[in-house]
Amino acid sequence: MQSPAIGVIGGSGLYQLEGLTQPTEHEIDTPFGSPSDVIFGGQLAGRQVYFLPRHGRGHRLQPHELPHRANLWALRSLGVRWIICVTAVGSLQEKYAPEHLVLPSQFFDRTSEVHTFFGGGIVAHAAFADPISAALQRLIFEEATALGRPVHLGGTYVNMDGPQFSTRAESETYRRLGFDVIGMTNLAEAKLAREAEIALATMAMITDYDCWKVDEEPVTADAVLGHLLANAETAKQLLARVIPRIPEPLNDPAHRALDLALVTARPLWPAETCERLRPILGRFLEA
């Protein structure tokens, strides 16, 4: 039996995954449109890996333009059951400096969009109290520590819409509420991964202090470029160490997330919706 595949979603500064053998490219047409880019496949340490650049190669897509449902549907259709998300974030706390790595355990939603695969006659309410795979998060922490990288286990990622950065009033409010990092993309991925029964962990790479820290340089795209490049190198090193250690058995709670989530009785599921969601609902349709 083939081992479940591992997905990597690359963020700002990480547009390719090095070291893949037997490379493949996958242009996937999904019911939710086209993914952000071609999905790149290959073998790494004997594991099947698929890499998707979140913003497209060359960083062509704004945060609000990202086709999250297409991205996660496409990865799930390729057999991905574990995902590591690499994402650039701003720090809301003094202790998280640029080029530090934060492994958030929680999210706080400040977005205006709804992210779900369901609807069209099938209702599902997936549990999301613990949105991160603790086992995958722990592996990343152990390998970052072994590499001597400054890494912080746990914390809350607040997800704003963007594409503009925060106002100072917003940044100060998030900070006083005790949030740790701020970004524009990762919450949707975590929500959709949970519905797709994919175990997910996030590598939040600090690029700046948002705008609350007035004694630091202003937050601009140019100001964070150097930190982006350094973070991308750290991410590549970490991924090469973490991927071989990811369990092959589907033993994470996320891998059975739909067991208690599906509300609509099976005989009432519309055939069209079943086909649209076949990569996600396959085990229920074949039962």
C-alpha atoms as a PDB file:
ATOM      1  CA  MET A   1       0.000   0.000   0.000  1.00  0.00           C
ATOM      2  CA  GLN A   2       1.385   3.401  -0.990  1.00  0.00           C
ATOM      3  CA  SER A   3       2.261   5.761   1.861  1.00  0.00           C
ATOM      4  CA  PRO A   4       0.130   8.884   2.156  1.00  0.00           C
ATOM      5  CA  ALA A   5       1.655  11.881   0.423  1.00  0.00           C
ATOM      6  CA  ILE A   6       3.037  14.970   2.130  1.00  0.00           C
ATOM      7  CA  GLY A   7       2.148  18.452   0.950  1.00  0.00           C
ATOM      8  CA  VAL A   8       4.160  21.640   1.362  1.00  0.00           C
ATOM      9  CA  ILE A   9       2.567  25.026   0.757  1.00  0.00           C
ATOM     10  CA  GLY A  10       5.315  27.592   0.244  1.00  0.00           C
ATOM     11  CA  GLY A  11       4.825  31.172   1.346  1.00  0.00           C
ATOM     12  CA  SER A  12       6.468  34.472   0.550  1.00  0.00           C
ATOM     13  CA  GLY A  13      10.074  33.801  -0.449  1.00  0.00           C
ATOM     14  CA  LEU A  14       9.677  30.029  -0.840  1.00  0.00           C
ATOM     15  CA  TYR A  15       8.638  29.289  -4.406  1.00  0.00           C
ATOM     16  CA  GLN A  16      10.325  25.923  -4.952  1.00  0.00           C
ATOM     17  CA  LEU A  17      11.329  22.878  -2.961  1.00  0.00           C
ATOM     18  CA  GLU A  18      14.831  21.621  -3.598  1.00  0.00           C
ATOM     19  CA  GLY A  19      16.071  18.042  -3.473  1.00  0.00           C
ATOM     20  CA  LEU A  20      13.078  16.321  -5.073  1.00  0.00           C
ATOM     21  CA  THR A  21      13.906  13.315  -7.242  1.00  0.00           C
ATOM     22  CA  GLN A  22      11.669  11.806  -9.937  1.00  0.00           C
ATOM     23  CA  PRO A  23      10.106  15.253 -10.442  1.00  0.00           C
ATOM     24  CA  THR A  24       6.615  15.649 -11.862  1.00  0.00           C
ATOM     25  CA  GLU A  25       4.341  18.595 -12.600  1.00  0.00           C
ATOM     26  CA  HIS A  26       0.576  18.530 -12.114  1.00  0.00           C
ATOM     27  CA  GLU A  27      -1.871  20.971 -13.681  1.00  0.00           C
ATOM     28  CA  ILE A  28      -5.121  20.100 -11.942  1.00  0.00           C
ATOM     29  CA  ASP A  29      -8.557  21.324 -12.916  1.00  0.00           C
ATOM     30  CA  THR A  30     -10.722  21.453  -9.805  1.00  0.00           C
ATOM     31  CA  PRO A  31     -14.433  22.207  -9.247  1.00  0.00           C
ATOM     32  CA  PHE A  32     -13.227  25.384  -7.543  1.00  0.00           C
ATOM     33  CA  GLY A  33     -11.054  26.659 -10.386  1.00  0.00           C
ATOM     34  CA  SER A  34      -7.306  26.429 -10.911  1.00  0.00           C
ATOM     35  CA  PRO A  35      -4.799  26.245  -8.039  1.00  0.00           C
ATOM     36  CA  SER A  36      -2.294  29.012  -7.457  1.00  0.00           C
ATOM     37  CA  ASP A  37       0.233  27.321  -9.731  1.00  0.00           C
ATOM     38  CA  VAL A  38       1.374  23.986 -11.071  1.00  0.00           C
ATOM     39  CA  ILE A  39       1.875  21.483  -8.252  1.00  0.00           C
ATOM     40  CA  PHE A  40       5.373  20.031  -8.231  1.00  0.00           C
ATOM     41  CA  GLY A  41       5.767  16.404  -7.151  1.00  0.00           C
ATOM     42  CA  GLY A  42       8.720  14.188  -6.376  1.00  0.00           C
ATOM     43  CA  GLN A  43      10.423  11.901  -3.930  1.00  0.00           C
ATOM     44  CA  LEU A  44      12.280  13.153  -0.871  1.00  0.00           C
ATOM     45  CA  ALA A  45      13.867  10.614   1.481  1.00  0.00           C
ATOM     46  CA  GLY A  46      11.615   7.939   0.044  1.00  0.00           C
ATOM     47  CA  ARG A  47       8.410   9.910   0.634  1.00  0.00           C
ATOM     48  CA  GLN A  48       6.060  11.286  -1.996  1.00  0.00           C
ATOM     49  CA  VAL A  49       5.946  15.059  -1.677  1.00  0.00           C
ATOM     50  CA  TYR A  50       3.893  17.707  -3.482  1.00  0.00           C
ATOM     51  CA  PHE A  51       4.858  21.368  -3.382  1.00  0.00           C
ATOM     52  CA  LEU A  52       2.535  24.282  -4.162  1.00  0.00           C
ATOM     53  CA  PRO A  53       3.738  27.909  -4.171  1.00  0.00           C
ATOM     54  CA  ARG A  54       0.881  29.714  -2.427  1.00  0.00           C
ATOM     55  CA  HIS A  55       1.195  32.990  -4.330  1.00  0.00           C
ATOM     56  CA  GLY A  56       2.385  31.401  -7.575  1.00  0.00           C
ATOM     57  CA  ARG A  57       5.950  31.499  -8.829  1.00  0.00           C
ATOM     58  CA  GLY A  58       7.079  35.096  -8.946  1.00  0.00           C
ATOM     59  CA  HIS A  59       4.515  36.016  -6.270  1.00  0.00           C
ATOM     60  CA  ARG A  60       1.666  36.914  -8.630  1.00  0.00           C
ATOM     61  CA  LEU A  61      -1.380  36.518  -6.350  1.00  0.00           C
ATOM     62  CA  GLN A  62      -2.561  38.856  -3.621  1.00  0.00           C
ATOM     63  CA  PRO A  63      -3.759  37.259  -0.356  1.00  0.00           C
ATOM     64  CA  HIS A  64      -7.423  37.895  -1.189  1.00  0.00           C
ATOM     65  CA  GLU A  65      -6.929  36.366  -4.653  1.00  0.00           C
ATOM     66  CA  LEU A  66      -5.685  32.996  -3.411  1.00  0.00           C
ATOM     67  CA  PRO A  67      -7.827  30.048  -4.603  1.00  0.00           C
ATOM     68  CA  HIS A  68      -7.687  28.230  -1.273  1.00  0.00           C
ATOM     69  CA  ARG A  69     -10.371  25.668  -2.082  1.00  0.00           C
ATOM     70  CA  ALA A  70      -8.732  24.785  -5.398  1.00  0.00           C
ATOM     71  CA  ASN A  71      -5.341  24.485  -3.697  1.00  0.00           C
ATOM     72  CA  LEU A  72      -6.487  22.127  -0.949  1.00  0.00           C
ATOM     73  CA  TRP A  73      -8.805  20.105  -3.226  1.00  0.00           C
ATOM     74  CA  ALA A  74      -5.942  19.584  -5.685  1.00  0.00           C
ATOM     75  CA  LEU A  75      -3.528  18.455  -2.985  1.00  0.00           C
ATOM     76  CA  ARG A  76      -6.102  16.076  -1.491  1.00  0.00           C
ATOM     77  CA  SER A  77      -6.798  14.648  -4.957  1.00  0.00           C
ATOM     78  CA  LEU A  78      -3.097  13.732  -5.146  1.00  0.00           C
ATOM     79  CA  GLY A  79      -3.332  11.745  -1.916  1.00  0.00           C
ATOM     80  CA  VAL A  80      -1.880  14.368   0.431  1.00  0.00           C
ATOM     81  CA  ARG A  81      -2.743  13.658   4.082  1.00  0.00           C
ATOM     82  CA  TRP A  82      -0.074  15.745   5.830  1.00  0.00           C
ATOM     83  CA  ILE A  83       0.651  19.408   5.055  1.00  0.00           C
ATOM     84  CA  ILE A  84       3.339  21.781   6.250  1.00  0.00           C
ATOM     85  CA  CYS A  85       2.509  25.427   5.571  1.00  0.00           C
ATOM     86  CA  VAL A  86       5.387  27.885   5.367  1.00  0.00           C
ATOM     87  CA  THR A  87       4.160  31.430   5.837  1.00  0.00           C
ATOM     88  CA  ALA A  88       5.653  34.881   6.382  1.00  0.00           C
ATOM     89  CA  VAL A  89       4.225  36.715   9.391  1.00  0.00           C
ATOM     90  CA  GLY A  90       4.645  39.832  11.471  1.00  0.00           C
ATOM     91  CA  SER A  91       5.530  39.600  15.152  1.00  0.00           C
ATOM     92  CA  LEU A  92       3.178  41.020  17.769  1.00  0.00           C
ATOM     93  CA  GLN A  93       5.467  40.294  20.725  1.00  0.00           C
ATOM     94  CA  GLU A  94       8.961  41.515  21.587  1.00  0.00           C
ATOM     95  CA  LYS A  95      10.306  37.984  22.086  1.00  0.00           C
ATOM     96  CA  TYR A  96       9.577  36.985  18.466  1.00  0.00           C
ATOM     97  CA  ALA A  97      12.273  38.717  16.448  1.00  0.00           C
ATOM     98  CA  PRO A  98      12.717  38.769  12.672  1.00  0.00           C
ATOM     99  CA  GLU A  99      13.995  35.420  11.364  1.00  0.00           C
ATOM    100  CA  HIS A 100      12.591  33.585  14.390  1.00  0.00           C
ATOM    101  CA  LEU A 101      10.247  30.661  13.776  1.00  0.00           C
ATOM    102  CA  VAL A 102       6.871  30.404  15.531  1.00  0.00           C
ATOM    103  CA  LEU A 103       4.813  27.207  15.450  1.00  0.00           C
ATOM    104  CA  PRO A 104       1.293  28.440  16.241  1.00  0.00           C
ATOM    105  CA  SER A 105      -1.260  26.198  17.917  1.00  0.00           C
ATOM    106  CA  GLN A 106      -4.240  28.504  17.488  1.00  0.00           C
ATOM    107  CA  PHE A 107      -5.817  30.972  15.066  1.00  0.00           C
ATOM    108  CA  PHE A 108      -7.966  34.057  15.498  1.00  0.00           C
ATOM    109  CA  ASP A 109     -10.118  34.956  12.503  1.00  0.00           C
ATOM    110  CA  ARG A 110     -10.299  38.598  11.394  1.00  0.00           C
ATOM    111  CA  THR A 111     -11.176  37.796   7.785  1.00  0.00           C
ATOM    112  CA  SER A 112     -14.392  38.512   5.918  1.00  0.00           C
ATOM    113  CA  GLU A 113     -14.631  35.289   3.886  1.00  0.00           C
ATOM    114  CA  VAL A 114     -16.137  31.864   4.529  1.00  0.00           C
ATOM    115  CA  HIS A 115     -13.880  28.931   3.694  1.00  0.00           C
ATOM    116  CA  THR A 116     -15.558  25.553   3.277  1.00  0.00           C
ATOM    117  CA  PHE A 117     -15.921  22.791   0.719  1.00  0.00           C
ATOM    118  CA  PHE A 118     -19.427  21.974   1.870  1.00  0.00           C
ATOM    119  CA  GLY A 119     -22.806  23.256   0.781  1.00  0.00           C
ATOM    120  CA  GLY A 120     -24.776  22.161  -2.253  1.00  0.00           C
ATOM    121  CA  GLY A 121     -26.952  19.886  -0.158  1.00  0.00           C
ATOM    122  CA  ILE A 122     -24.326  18.465   2.222  1.00  0.00           C
ATOM    123  CA  VAL A 123     -23.860  20.165   5.593  1.00  0.00           C
ATOM    124  CA  ALA A 124     -20.736  19.627   7.681  1.00  0.00           C
ATOM    125  CA  HIS A 125     -19.428  21.261  10.845  1.00  0.00           C
ATOM    126  CA  ALA A 126     -15.855  20.122  11.415  1.00  0.00           C
ATOM    127  CA  ALA A 127     -14.394  20.436  14.908  1.00  0.00           C
ATOM    128  CA  PHE A 128     -11.673  23.077  14.901  1.00  0.00           C
ATOM    129  CA  ALA A 129     -10.864  23.678  18.573  1.00  0.00           C
ATOM    130  CA  ASP A 130      -7.347  22.368  18.010  1.00  0.00           C
ATOM    131  CA  PRO A 131      -6.557  23.371  14.418  1.00  0.00           C
ATOM    132  CA  ILE A 132      -2.930  22.199  14.318  1.00  0.00           C
ATOM    133  CA  SER A 133      -1.545  18.670  14.282  1.00  0.00           C
ATOM    134  CA  ALA A 134       0.354  18.491  17.573  1.00  0.00           C
ATOM    135  CA  ALA A 135       2.459  15.559  16.347  1.00  0.00           C
ATOM    136  CA  LEU A 136       3.580  17.367  13.183  1.00  0.00           C
ATOM    137  CA  GLN A 137       4.179  20.572  15.106  1.00  0.00           C
ATOM    138  CA  ARG A 138       6.399  18.694  17.573  1.00  0.00           C
ATOM    139  CA  LEU A 139       8.521  17.221  14.761  1.00  0.00           C
ATOM    140  CA  ILE A 140       9.174  20.688  13.357  1.00  0.00           C
ATOM    141  CA  PHE A 141      10.073  21.997  16.814  1.00  0.00           C
ATOM    142  CA  GLU A 142      12.522  19.166  17.434  1.00  0.00           C
ATOM    143  CA  GLU A 143      14.290  19.624  14.110  1.00  0.00           C
ATOM    144  CA  ALA A 144      14.446  23.416  14.397  1.00  0.00           C
ATOM    145  CA  THR A 145      15.950  23.029  17.859  1.00  0.00           C
ATOM    146  CA  ALA A 146      18.477  20.502  16.539  1.00  0.00           C
ATOM    147  CA  LEU A 147      19.497  23.000  13.842  1.00  0.00           C
ATOM    148  CA  GLY A 148      19.976  25.700  16.471  1.00  0.00           C
ATOM    149  CA  ARG A 149      17.280  27.924  15.010  1.00  0.00           C
ATOM    150  CA  PRO A 150      15.343  30.295  17.323  1.00  0.00           C
ATOM    151  CA  VAL A 151      11.954  28.552  17.511  1.00  0.00           C
ATOM    152  CA  HIS A 152       8.863  29.062  19.672  1.00  0.00           C
ATOM    153  CA  LEU A 153       6.354  26.272  20.272  1.00  0.00           C
ATOM    154  CA  GLY A 154       2.732  27.419  20.394  1.00  0.00           C
ATOM    155  CA  GLY A 155       1.043  30.792  20.083  1.00  0.00           C
ATOM    156  CA  THR A 156      -1.869  32.388  18.256  1.00  0.00           C
ATOM    157  CA  TYR A 157      -1.837  33.478  14.606  1.00  0.00           C
ATOM    158  CA  VAL A 158      -4.318  36.275  13.917  1.00  0.00           C
ATOM    159  CA  ASN A 159      -5.438  36.251  10.278  1.00  0.00           C
ATOM    160  CA  MET A 160      -6.383  39.585   8.708  1.00  0.00           C
ATOM    161  CA  ASP A 161      -7.623  40.196   5.180  1.00  0.00           C
ATOM    162  CA  GLY A 162      -4.912  42.407   3.735  1.00  0.00           C
ATOM    163  CA  PRO A 163      -3.427  43.118   1.288  1.00  0.00           C
ATOM    164  CA  GLN A 164      -2.552  46.283   3.219  1.00  0.00           C
ATOM    165  CA  PHE A 165      -0.574  45.894   6.422  1.00  0.00           C
ATOM    166  CA  SER A 166      -2.205  46.734   9.776  1.00  0.00           C
ATOM    167  CA  THR A 167      -2.864  50.196  11.100  1.00  0.00           C
ATOM    168  CA  ARG A 168      -0.981  50.926  14.298  1.00  0.00           C
ATOM    169  CA  ALA A 169      -4.261  50.895  16.237  1.00  0.00           C
ATOM    170  CA  GLU A 170      -5.040  47.395  14.922  1.00  0.00           C
ATOM    171  CA  SER A 171      -1.540  46.147  15.631  1.00  0.00           C
ATOM    172  CA  GLU A 172      -1.611  47.464  19.205  1.00  0.00           C
ATOM    173  CA  THR A 173      -5.040  45.916  19.792  1.00  0.00           C
ATOM    174  CA  TYR A 174      -3.946  42.480  18.598  1.00  0.00           C
ATOM    175  CA  ARG A 175      -0.839  42.733  20.750  1.00  0.00           C
ATOM    176  CA  ARG A 176      -2.765  43.675  23.882  1.00  0.00           C
ATOM    177  CA  LEU A 177      -5.159  40.798  23.285  1.00  0.00           C
ATOM    178  CA  GLY A 178      -2.166  38.502  23.574  1.00  0.00           C
ATOM    179  CA  PHE A 179      -1.908  37.354  19.967  1.00  0.00           C
ATOM    180  CA  ASP A 180       1.555  36.343  18.814  1.00  0.00           C
ATOM    181  CA  VAL A 181       1.882  36.670  15.032  1.00  0.00           C
ATOM    182  CA  ILE A 182      -0.178  38.173  12.238  1.00  0.00           C
ATOM    183  CA  GLY A 183      -0.605  37.073   8.635  1.00  0.00           C
ATOM    184  CA  MET A 184      -3.034  37.106   5.718  1.00  0.00           C
ATOM    185  CA  THR A 185      -3.281  33.541   4.409  1.00  0.00           C
ATOM    186  CA  ASN A 186      -2.939  30.537   6.681  1.00  0.00           C
ATOM    187  CA  LEU A 187      -6.299  30.268   8.455  1.00  0.00           C
ATOM    188  CA  ALA A 188      -8.198  29.344   5.276  1.00  0.00           C
ATOM    189  CA  GLU A 189      -5.671  26.593   4.582  1.00  0.00           C
ATOM    190  CA  ALA A 190      -6.068  25.192   8.078  1.00  0.00           C
ATOM    191  CA  LYS A 191      -9.879  25.219   7.875  1.00  0.00           C
ATOM    192  CA  LEU A 192      -9.994  23.519   4.492  1.00  0.00           C
ATOM    193  CA  ALA A 193      -7.309  21.009   5.449  1.00  0.00           C
ATOM    194  CA  ARG A 194      -9.430  19.970   8.413  1.00  0.00           C
ATOM    195  CA  GLU A 195     -12.474  19.409   6.163  1.00  0.00           C
ATOM    196  CA  ALA A 196     -10.268  17.436   3.766  1.00  0.00           C
ATOM    197  CA  GLU A 197      -9.001  15.274   6.654  1.00  0.00           C
ATOM    198  CA  ILE A 198      -5.429  16.487   6.228  1.00  0.00           C
ATOM    199  CA  ALA A 199      -3.197  16.942   9.285  1.00  0.00           C
ATOM    200  CA  LEU A 200      -1.581  20.393   9.113  1.00  0.00           C
ATOM    201  CA  ALA A 201       1.118  22.352  10.905  1.00  0.00           C
ATOM    202  CA  THR A 202       2.407  25.843  10.246  1.00  0.00           C
ATOM    203  CA  MET A 203       5.934  27.219  10.126  1.00  0.00           C
ATOM    204  CA  ALA A 204       5.361  30.931  10.734  1.00  0.00           C
ATOM    205  CA  MET A 205       8.520  32.780   9.756  1.00  0.00           C
ATOM    206  CA  ILE A 206       8.925  36.236  11.314  1.00  0.00           C
ATOM    207  CA  THR A 207       9.826  39.027   8.882  1.00  0.00           C
ATOM    208  CA  ASP A 208       9.044  42.140  10.933  1.00  0.00           C
ATOM    209  CA  TYR A 209       7.418  43.588  14.056  1.00  0.00           C
ATOM    210  CA  ASP A 210       4.250  44.603  12.211  1.00  0.00           C
ATOM    211  CA  CYS A 211       3.930  48.331  12.993  1.00  0.00           C
ATOM    212  CA  TRP A 212       3.436  48.433  16.768  1.00  0.00           C
ATOM    213  CA  LYS A 213       7.182  48.687  17.480  1.00  0.00           C
ATOM    214  CA  VAL A 214       7.829  52.297  16.596  1.00  0.00           C
ATOM    215  CA  ASP A 215      11.589  52.105  17.215  1.00  0.00           C
ATOM    216  CA  GLU A 216      11.944  49.625  14.338  1.00  0.00           C
ATOM    217  CA  GLU A 217      12.059  50.355  10.610  1.00  0.00           C
ATOM    218  CA  PRO A 218       8.631  50.800   8.972  1.00  0.00           C
ATOM    219  CA  VAL A 219       6.952  47.670   7.650  1.00  0.00           C
ATOM    220  CA  THR A 220       7.344  47.746   3.861  1.00  0.00           C
ATOM    221  CA  ALA A 221       7.831  45.068   1.238  1.00  0.00           C
ATOM    222  CA  ASP A 222      11.424  46.229   0.705  1.00  0.00           C
ATOM    223  CA  ALA A 223      12.207  46.224   4.422  1.00  0.00           C
ATOM    224  CA  VAL A 224      11.278  42.572   4.894  1.00  0.00           C
ATOM    225  CA  LEU A 225      12.939  41.177   1.742  1.00  0.00           C
ATOM    226  CA  GLY A 226      16.205  40.254   3.441  1.00  0.00           C
ATOM    227  CA  HIS A 227      14.377  38.437   6.223  1.00  0.00           C
ATOM    228  CA  LEU A 228      12.242  36.619   3.645  1.00  0.00           C
ATOM    229  CA  LEU A 229      15.306  35.221   1.913  1.00  0.00           C
ATOM    230  CA  ALA A 230      16.911  34.099   5.177  1.00  0.00           C
ATOM    231  CA  ASN A 231      13.650  32.511   6.314  1.00  0.00           C
ATOM    232  CA  ALA A 232      13.313  30.643   3.023  1.00  0.00           C
ATOM    233  CA  GLU A 233      16.727  29.035   3.530  1.00  0.00           C
ATOM    234  CA  THR A 234      15.768  27.992   7.052  1.00  0.00           C
ATOM    235  CA  ALA A 235      12.503  26.534   5.763  1.00  0.00           C
ATOM    236  CA  LYS A 236      14.306  24.454   3.127  1.00  0.00           C
ATOM    237  CA  GLN A 237      16.700  23.014   5.689  1.00  0.00           C
ATOM    238  CA  LEU A 238      13.897  22.200   8.092  1.00  0.00           C
ATOM    239  CA  LEU A 239      11.670  20.569   5.497  1.00  0.00           C
ATOM    240  CA  ALA A 240      14.493  18.262   4.432  1.00  0.00           C
ATOM    241  CA  ARG A 241      14.817  17.073   8.036  1.00  0.00           C
ATOM    242  CA  VAL A 242      11.139  16.926   8.983  1.00  0.00           C
ATOM    243  CA  ILE A 243       9.671  15.182   5.937  1.00  0.00           C
ATOM    244  CA  PRO A 244      11.488  11.845   6.486  1.00  0.00           C
ATOM    245  CA  ARG A 245      10.135  11.745  10.058  1.00  0.00           C
ATOM    246  CA  ILE A 246       6.454  12.278   9.241  1.00  0.00           C
ATOM    247  CA  PRO A 247       4.491   9.148  10.221  1.00  0.00           C
ATOM    248  CA  GLU A 248       3.203   6.932   7.466  1.00  0.00           C
ATOM    249  CA  PRO A 249       0.126   5.644   9.350  1.00  0.00           C
ATOM    250  CA  LEU A 250      -2.914   7.926   9.258  1.00  0.00           C
ATOM    251  CA  ASN A 251      -3.001   8.233  13.023  1.00  0.00           C
ATOM    252  CA  ASP A 252      -3.687  11.943  13.528  1.00  0.00           C
ATOM    253  CA  PRO A 253      -7.164  13.002  14.777  1.00  0.00           C
ATOM    254  CA  ALA A 254      -7.434  15.215  11.689  1.00  0.00           C
ATOM    255  CA  HIS A 255      -7.408  12.129   9.484  1.00  0.00           C
ATOM    256  CA  ARG A 256     -10.891  11.224  10.808  1.00  0.00           C
ATOM    257  CA  ALA A 257     -12.221  14.763  11.122  1.00  0.00           C
ATOM    258  CA  LEU A 258     -15.409  14.071   9.154  1.00  0.00           C
ATOM    259  CA  ASP A 259     -16.513  11.123  11.281  1.00  0.00           C
ATOM    260  CA  LEU A 260     -18.564  13.405  13.530  1.00  0.00           C
ATOM    261  CA  ALA A 261     -18.834  16.426  11.220  1.00  0.00           C
ATOM    262  CA  LEU A 262     -21.282  15.368   8.508  1.00  0.00           C
ATOM    263  CA  VAL A 263     -24.825  16.386   9.425  1.00  0.00           C
ATOM    264  CA  THR A 264     -26.843  15.577   6.305  1.00  0.00           C
ATOM    265  CA  ALA A 265     -28.040  11.965   6.130  1.00  0.00           C
ATOM    266  CA  ARG A 266     -26.140   9.949   3.521  1.00  0.00           C
ATOM    267  CA  PRO A 267     -29.254   9.076   1.396  1.00  0.00           C
ATOM    268  CA  LEU A 268     -29.874  12.804   0.926  1.00  0.00           C
ATOM    269  CA  TRP A 269     -26.475  13.662  -0.499  1.00  0.00           C
ATOM    270  CA  PRO A 270     -26.898  15.069  -4.039  1.00  0.00           C
ATOM    271  CA  ALA A 271     -24.972  13.076  -6.640  1.00  0.00           C
ATOM    272  CA  GLU A 272     -23.471  16.225  -8.165  1.00  0.00           C
ATOM    273  CA  THR A 273     -22.074  17.371  -4.808  1.00  0.00           C
ATOM    274  CA  CYS A 274     -20.720  13.898  -4.106  1.00  0.00           C
ATOM    275  CA  GLU A 275     -18.786  13.961  -7.366  1.00  0.00           C
ATOM    276  CA  ARG A 276     -17.475  17.457  -6.710  1.00  0.00           C
ATOM    277  CA  LEU A 277     -16.190  16.375  -3.308  1.00  0.00           C
ATOM    278  CA  ARG A 278     -15.098  12.849  -4.199  1.00  0.00           C
ATOM    279  CA  PRO A 279     -11.436  13.349  -3.164  1.00  0.00           C
ATOM    280  CA  ILE A 280     -12.692  14.412   0.278  1.00  0.00           C
ATOM    281  CA  LEU A 281     -15.721  12.143   0.724  1.00  0.00           C
ATOM    282  CA  GLY A 282     -14.330   9.088  -1.040  1.00  0.00           C
ATOM    283  CA  ARG A 283     -14.272   6.792   1.990  1.00  0.00           C
ATOM    284  CA  PHE A 284     -17.918   7.566   2.715  1.00  0.00           C
ATOM    285  CA  LEU A 285     -19.000   7.094  -0.894  1.00  0.00           C
ATOM    286  CA  GLU A 286     -17.296   3.710  -1.135  1.00  0.00           C
ATOM    287  CA  ALA A 287     -18.709   2.379   2.141  1.00  0.00           C
END
